Amino acid sequence: MKQAFTAAVVQMVSGSDLAANLASAGRLIGQAAQAGARLVALPENFALLGRREQDKLAVAEPDGAGPIQDFLAEMAQRHGIYLVGGTIPLHGADPQRVRAACLLHGPDGRCLARYDKIHLFDVEVGDPSSGERYRESASIEPGDAVVTVDTELGCIGLAVCYDLRFPELFRALLARGAQILVLPSAFTEITGAAHWHLLCRARAVENLCYLLAPGQGGQHDNGRRTYGHSLIAGPWGEVLAEYADTGEGVACAQIDLAAMDRLRARFPALLHRRL
């Protein structure tokens, strides 16, 4: 029988001070671990949400070495948890851009997986007169690999924020055995209010998977407002836990893969696919 366990999503309001962001993340990870979480997920850009898109270049690290990666390894080992490190900027092939890398560290501190964000947020949000425009491709290189990792807790599939709008990625994760989907995010206030719960619940229910969606939530020092509502959704599409306020916080829920398997057996929609 598969053992149920507690998972946690961490919500932050990261800014342009790397040290302050790491201190906040460390405190919140500690709260999640004290609540019994064995799997903890941080939001996108947890270590830095700079005043300018190019600010991330100044703190970018080579793969496998650097203070942000050391922090994640230390936190995972100190608390004996699986830790999904939101996204951090890692060097890519283009010196003017970085990879938005989502790392999974195990309880011994080792990095078990790396996913580089595939879909980049190049959009206009809201009324064109608002000037709220984003062009992630100016400072980020896209990834191209679908990433899952088998752990003692289950098979974890990684995605990031804007990826949520592309169901084919989640089908690819499912095909690789994903049972728990983790989606570090920083949804804008406008797009979050319109689509966050809808899309998170849809990705969970259509794949009959658990989905952990930690987010940024509040007013950032670059003027950006993010939606928050970090949540954990179950395979029936129900919201099992949610941090509904803005600001920092932690939400925890039980992950029961045996119950998920029973649901898949009596409602075998995944076996009924024809295309």
Protein backbone atom coordinates (compact mmCIF):
# COMPACT_ATOMS: atom_id res chain seq x y z
CA MET A 1 0.00 0.00 0.00
CA LYS A 2 1.33 3.42 -0.94
CA GLN A 3 1.71 5.73 2.02
CA ALA A 4 -0.02 9.11 2.03
CA PHE A 5 2.18 12.09 2.87
CA THR A 6 1.93 15.83 3.39
CA ALA A 7 2.95 18.27 0.66
CA ALA A 8 3.26 22.04 0.92
CA VAL A 9 3.23 24.99 -1.44
CA VAL A 10 5.06 28.16 -0.41
CA GLN A 11 3.81 31.59 -1.43
CA MET A 12 6.21 34.54 -1.52
CA VAL A 13 6.42 38.20 -2.55
CA SER A 14 9.99 38.15 -3.81
CA GLY A 15 11.81 41.33 -4.69
CA SER A 16 15.18 42.58 -5.86
CA ASP A 17 17.17 41.69 -2.69
CA LEU A 18 18.55 38.17 -3.13
CA ALA A 19 19.61 37.73 0.49
CA ALA A 20 16.22 38.86 1.82
CA ASN A 21 14.41 36.52 -0.56
CA LEU A 22 16.51 33.53 0.52
CA ALA A 23 15.91 34.38 4.17
CA SER A 24 12.15 34.47 3.59
CA ALA A 25 12.23 31.23 1.62
CA GLY A 26 14.23 29.52 4.36
CA ARG A 27 11.76 30.59 7.04
CA LEU A 28 8.76 29.42 5.02
CA ILE A 29 10.38 26.10 4.13
CA GLY A 30 10.95 25.61 7.84
CA GLN A 31 7.26 26.26 8.53
CA ALA A 32 6.27 23.70 5.91
CA ALA A 33 8.65 21.12 7.33
CA GLN A 34 7.35 21.75 10.87
CA ALA A 35 3.86 21.05 9.54
CA GLY A 36 5.08 17.62 8.43
CA ALA A 37 5.59 18.27 4.72
CA ARG A 38 7.83 15.81 2.92
CA LEU A 39 7.50 17.59 -0.43
CA VAL A 40 7.79 21.39 -0.48
CA ALA A 41 7.53 23.61 -3.56
CA LEU A 42 8.69 27.23 -3.91
CA PRO A 43 7.28 29.72 -6.46
CA GLU A 44 8.79 30.90 -9.72
CA ASN A 45 11.52 33.55 -9.30
CA PHE A 46 11.62 32.87 -5.55
CA ALA A 47 15.24 34.03 -5.24
CA LEU A 48 14.91 37.21 -7.31
CA LEU A 49 12.11 39.16 -8.92
CA GLY A 50 14.17 42.10 -10.09
CA ARG A 51 13.27 45.63 -11.03
CA ARG A 52 14.28 44.87 -14.63
CA GLU A 53 14.12 41.60 -16.58
CA GLN A 54 17.88 41.76 -17.14
CA ASP A 55 18.61 41.83 -13.39
CA LYS A 56 18.57 38.04 -13.32
CA LEU A 57 21.77 37.96 -15.41
CA ALA A 58 23.74 39.40 -12.49
CA VAL A 59 22.85 36.50 -10.17
CA ALA A 60 22.83 33.70 -12.76
CA GLU A 61 24.79 30.61 -11.77
CA PRO A 62 26.48 27.78 -13.64
CA ASP A 63 24.66 24.47 -13.41
CA GLY A 64 25.62 22.73 -10.18
CA ALA A 65 27.34 25.59 -8.34
CA GLY A 66 26.34 28.84 -6.71
CA PRO A 67 24.75 30.34 -3.61
CA ILE A 68 21.13 29.79 -4.69
CA GLN A 69 21.74 26.13 -5.53
CA ASP A 70 23.71 25.71 -2.29
CA PHE A 71 20.75 27.19 -0.41
CA LEU A 72 18.32 24.71 -1.95
CA ALA A 73 20.60 21.75 -1.22
CA GLU A 74 21.08 22.89 2.37
CA MET A 75 17.35 23.39 2.98
CA ALA A 76 16.44 19.99 1.53
CA GLN A 77 19.09 18.23 3.61
CA ARG A 78 18.45 20.18 6.82
CA HIS A 79 14.74 19.37 6.81
CA GLY A 80 14.97 15.93 5.15
CA ILE A 81 12.51 16.91 2.41
CA TYR A 82 12.07 16.84 -1.34
CA LEU A 83 12.32 20.50 -2.35
CA VAL A 84 11.20 21.96 -5.68
CA GLY A 85 13.19 25.16 -5.98
CA GLY A 86 10.78 27.32 -7.96
CA THR A 87 12.93 28.70 -10.76
CA ILE A 88 16.45 30.06 -10.59
CA PRO A 89 18.53 31.68 -13.35
CA LEU A 90 21.21 29.35 -14.72
CA HIS A 91 23.70 30.15 -17.46
CA GLY A 92 22.64 29.14 -20.97
CA ALA A 93 24.32 29.21 -24.37
CA ASP A 94 23.45 32.89 -24.94
CA PRO A 95 25.41 35.20 -22.59
CA GLN A 96 22.57 37.74 -22.77
CA ARG A 97 19.95 35.27 -21.58
CA VAL A 98 19.54 32.64 -18.86
CA ARG A 99 17.62 29.42 -18.40
CA ALA A 100 14.69 29.56 -15.99
CA ALA A 101 15.56 26.30 -14.26
CA CYS A 102 13.31 24.42 -11.86
CA LEU A 103 15.42 22.12 -9.65
CA LEU A 104 14.30 19.23 -7.47
CA HIS A 105 16.55 18.38 -4.52
CA GLY A 106 16.21 15.23 -2.44
CA PRO A 107 16.42 14.77 1.34
CA ASP A 108 20.17 14.17 1.12
CA GLY A 109 20.64 17.52 -0.63
CA ARG A 110 21.41 16.08 -4.05
CA CYS A 111 19.85 17.65 -7.13
CA LEU A 112 17.65 14.95 -8.65
CA ALA A 113 16.20 16.80 -11.64
CA ARG A 114 16.35 20.02 -13.62
CA TYR A 115 13.56 21.36 -15.84
CA ASP A 116 14.08 24.48 -17.99
CA LYS A 117 10.89 26.44 -18.65
CA ILE A 118 9.69 25.70 -22.18
CA HIS A 119 6.90 28.23 -22.81
CA LEU A 120 7.94 31.87 -22.37
CA PHE A 121 5.56 34.65 -21.38
CA ASP A 122 5.64 37.10 -24.31
CA VAL A 123 2.25 38.77 -23.97
CA GLU A 124 0.26 41.93 -23.35
CA VAL A 125 -1.95 41.76 -20.27
CA GLY A 126 -5.22 43.64 -19.87
CA ASP A 127 -6.04 46.86 -21.71
CA PRO A 128 -3.31 47.85 -24.20
CA SER A 129 -3.25 51.34 -22.67
CA SER A 130 -2.07 49.86 -19.36
CA GLY A 131 1.36 49.13 -20.80
CA GLU A 132 1.53 45.81 -18.94
CA ARG A 133 3.67 43.84 -21.35
CA TYR A 134 6.03 40.95 -20.82
CA ARG A 135 8.74 39.53 -23.04
CA GLU A 136 10.52 36.75 -21.20
CA SER A 137 12.29 35.63 -24.36
CA ALA A 138 14.43 38.79 -24.18
CA SER A 139 16.21 37.47 -21.09
CA ILE A 140 15.38 33.75 -20.99
CA GLU A 141 16.30 30.87 -23.30
CA PRO A 142 13.51 28.29 -23.61
CA GLY A 143 14.06 24.70 -22.64
CA ASP A 144 12.94 21.77 -24.76
CA ALA A 145 12.93 18.70 -22.48
CA VAL A 146 9.99 17.10 -20.64
CA VAL A 147 11.15 16.18 -17.13
CA THR A 148 9.84 13.67 -14.62
CA VAL A 149 11.66 12.02 -11.74
CA ASP A 150 10.81 8.89 -9.79
CA THR A 151 11.05 9.31 -6.03
CA GLU A 152 9.95 7.34 -2.99
CA LEU A 153 6.95 9.69 -2.82
CA GLY A 154 5.88 9.04 -6.40
CA CYS A 155 6.69 10.21 -9.91
CA ILE A 156 6.99 14.01 -10.00
CA GLY A 157 6.54 16.00 -13.21
CA LEU A 158 7.87 19.56 -13.47
CA ALA A 159 6.40 22.57 -15.27
CA VAL A 160 6.49 26.36 -14.73
CA CYS A 161 3.82 29.10 -14.76
CA TYR A 162 2.94 29.88 -18.42
CA ASP A 163 3.36 26.16 -19.21
CA LEU A 164 -0.03 25.75 -17.49
CA ARG A 165 -1.75 26.94 -20.68
CA PHE A 166 -0.30 24.12 -22.81
CA PRO A 167 -2.06 20.83 -21.99
CA GLU A 168 0.13 18.86 -24.39
CA LEU A 169 3.05 19.31 -22.00
CA PHE A 170 1.06 17.77 -19.16
CA ARG A 171 0.01 14.85 -21.37
CA ALA A 172 3.70 14.31 -22.10
CA LEU A 173 4.42 14.33 -18.36
CA LEU A 174 1.59 11.84 -17.83
CA ALA A 175 3.00 9.58 -20.55
CA ARG A 176 6.25 9.50 -18.57
CA GLY A 177 4.41 8.33 -15.47
CA ALA A 178 3.78 11.61 -13.63
CA GLN A 179 1.51 11.29 -10.59
CA ILE A 180 2.31 14.61 -8.92
CA LEU A 181 2.59 17.72 -11.09
CA VAL A 182 4.49 20.70 -9.66
CA LEU A 183 4.03 24.15 -11.20
CA PRO A 184 6.03 27.01 -9.64
CA SER A 185 4.36 30.23 -10.81
CA ALA A 186 4.18 34.01 -10.74
CA PHE A 187 0.81 34.65 -12.41
CA THR A 188 -0.09 38.30 -12.92
CA GLU A 189 -3.00 39.67 -10.92
CA ILE A 190 -5.12 40.04 -14.07
CA THR A 191 -4.46 36.63 -15.63
CA GLY A 192 -4.64 34.92 -12.24
CA ALA A 193 -8.06 36.33 -11.43
CA ALA A 194 -9.33 35.19 -14.82
CA HIS A 195 -7.69 31.80 -15.29
CA TRP A 196 -5.59 30.47 -12.37
CA HIS A 197 -8.10 28.23 -10.60
CA LEU A 198 -9.70 27.15 -13.87
CA LEU A 199 -6.42 26.02 -15.44
CA CYS A 200 -4.92 24.44 -12.31
CA ARG A 201 -8.03 22.35 -11.69
CA ALA A 202 -8.28 21.41 -15.38
CA ARG A 203 -4.67 20.17 -15.55
CA ALA A 204 -5.24 18.09 -12.41
CA VAL A 205 -8.57 16.55 -13.37
CA GLU A 206 -7.84 15.85 -17.03
CA ASN A 207 -4.70 13.93 -16.04
CA LEU A 208 -6.14 12.48 -12.80
CA CYS A 209 -3.03 13.74 -11.00
CA TYR A 210 -2.24 15.84 -7.97
CA LEU A 211 -1.05 19.35 -8.81
CA LEU A 212 1.05 21.58 -6.56
CA ALA A 213 0.97 25.22 -7.68
CA PRO A 214 3.02 27.60 -5.50
CA GLY A 215 2.88 31.22 -6.58
CA GLN A 216 4.07 34.73 -6.00
CA GLY A 217 1.33 36.80 -4.40
CA GLY A 218 1.34 40.53 -3.78
CA GLN A 219 2.91 43.86 -4.67
CA HIS A 220 6.56 43.59 -5.73
CA ASP A 221 9.14 46.36 -5.55
CA ASN A 222 9.28 46.48 -9.36
CA GLY A 223 5.62 47.57 -9.42
CA ARG A 224 4.31 44.20 -10.56
CA ARG A 225 1.31 42.64 -8.83
CA THR A 226 1.00 38.86 -8.71
CA TYR A 227 -2.10 36.83 -7.98
CA GLY A 228 -1.02 34.37 -5.31
CA HIS A 229 -3.68 31.80 -4.35
CA SER A 230 -1.03 29.09 -4.09
CA LEU A 231 -2.87 25.79 -4.09
CA ILE A 232 -2.84 22.01 -4.16
CA ALA A 233 -5.43 20.35 -6.39
CA GLY A 234 -6.49 16.71 -6.27
CA PRO A 235 -7.06 14.30 -9.15
CA TRP A 236 -10.82 14.92 -9.09
CA GLY A 237 -10.12 18.61 -9.63
CA GLU A 238 -10.86 19.62 -6.05
CA VAL A 239 -8.81 22.30 -4.32
CA LEU A 240 -7.38 20.49 -1.31
CA ALA A 241 -5.52 23.47 0.15
CA GLU A 242 -5.06 27.10 -0.79
CA TYR A 243 -3.28 30.14 0.62
CA ALA A 244 -5.96 32.60 -0.41
CA ASP A 245 -4.44 35.78 1.02
CA THR A 246 -1.77 37.95 -0.59
CA GLY A 247 1.61 37.97 1.05
CA GLU A 248 3.77 35.14 2.33
CA GLY A 249 2.31 31.87 3.48
CA VAL A 250 2.20 28.09 3.31
CA ALA A 251 -0.62 25.71 2.37
CA CYS A 252 -0.46 21.96 3.08
CA ALA A 253 -2.48 18.95 1.96
CA GLN A 254 -2.32 15.17 2.01
CA ILE A 255 -1.17 13.40 -1.15
CA ASP A 256 -2.64 9.88 -1.33
CA LEU A 257 -1.50 8.03 -4.44
CA ALA A 258 -3.37 4.87 -3.44
CA ALA A 259 -6.61 6.86 -3.47
CA MET A 260 -5.58 8.31 -6.84
CA ASP A 261 -5.08 4.80 -8.22
CA ARG A 262 -8.51 3.75 -6.99
CA LEU A 263 -10.04 6.79 -8.70
CA ARG A 264 -8.24 5.98 -11.95
CA ALA A 265 -9.49 2.38 -11.76
CA ARG A 266 -13.16 3.26 -11.33
CA PHE A 267 -13.06 6.29 -13.65
CA PRO A 268 -10.62 5.13 -16.36
CA ALA A 269 -10.80 8.18 -18.60
CA LEU A 270 -7.07 7.95 -19.27
CA LEU A 271 -7.63 4.55 -20.88
CA HIS A 272 -10.42 5.88 -23.09
CA ARG A 273 -8.30 8.28 -25.13
CA ARG A 274 -8.56 7.78 -28.90
CA LEU A 275 -6.38 10.54 -30.33
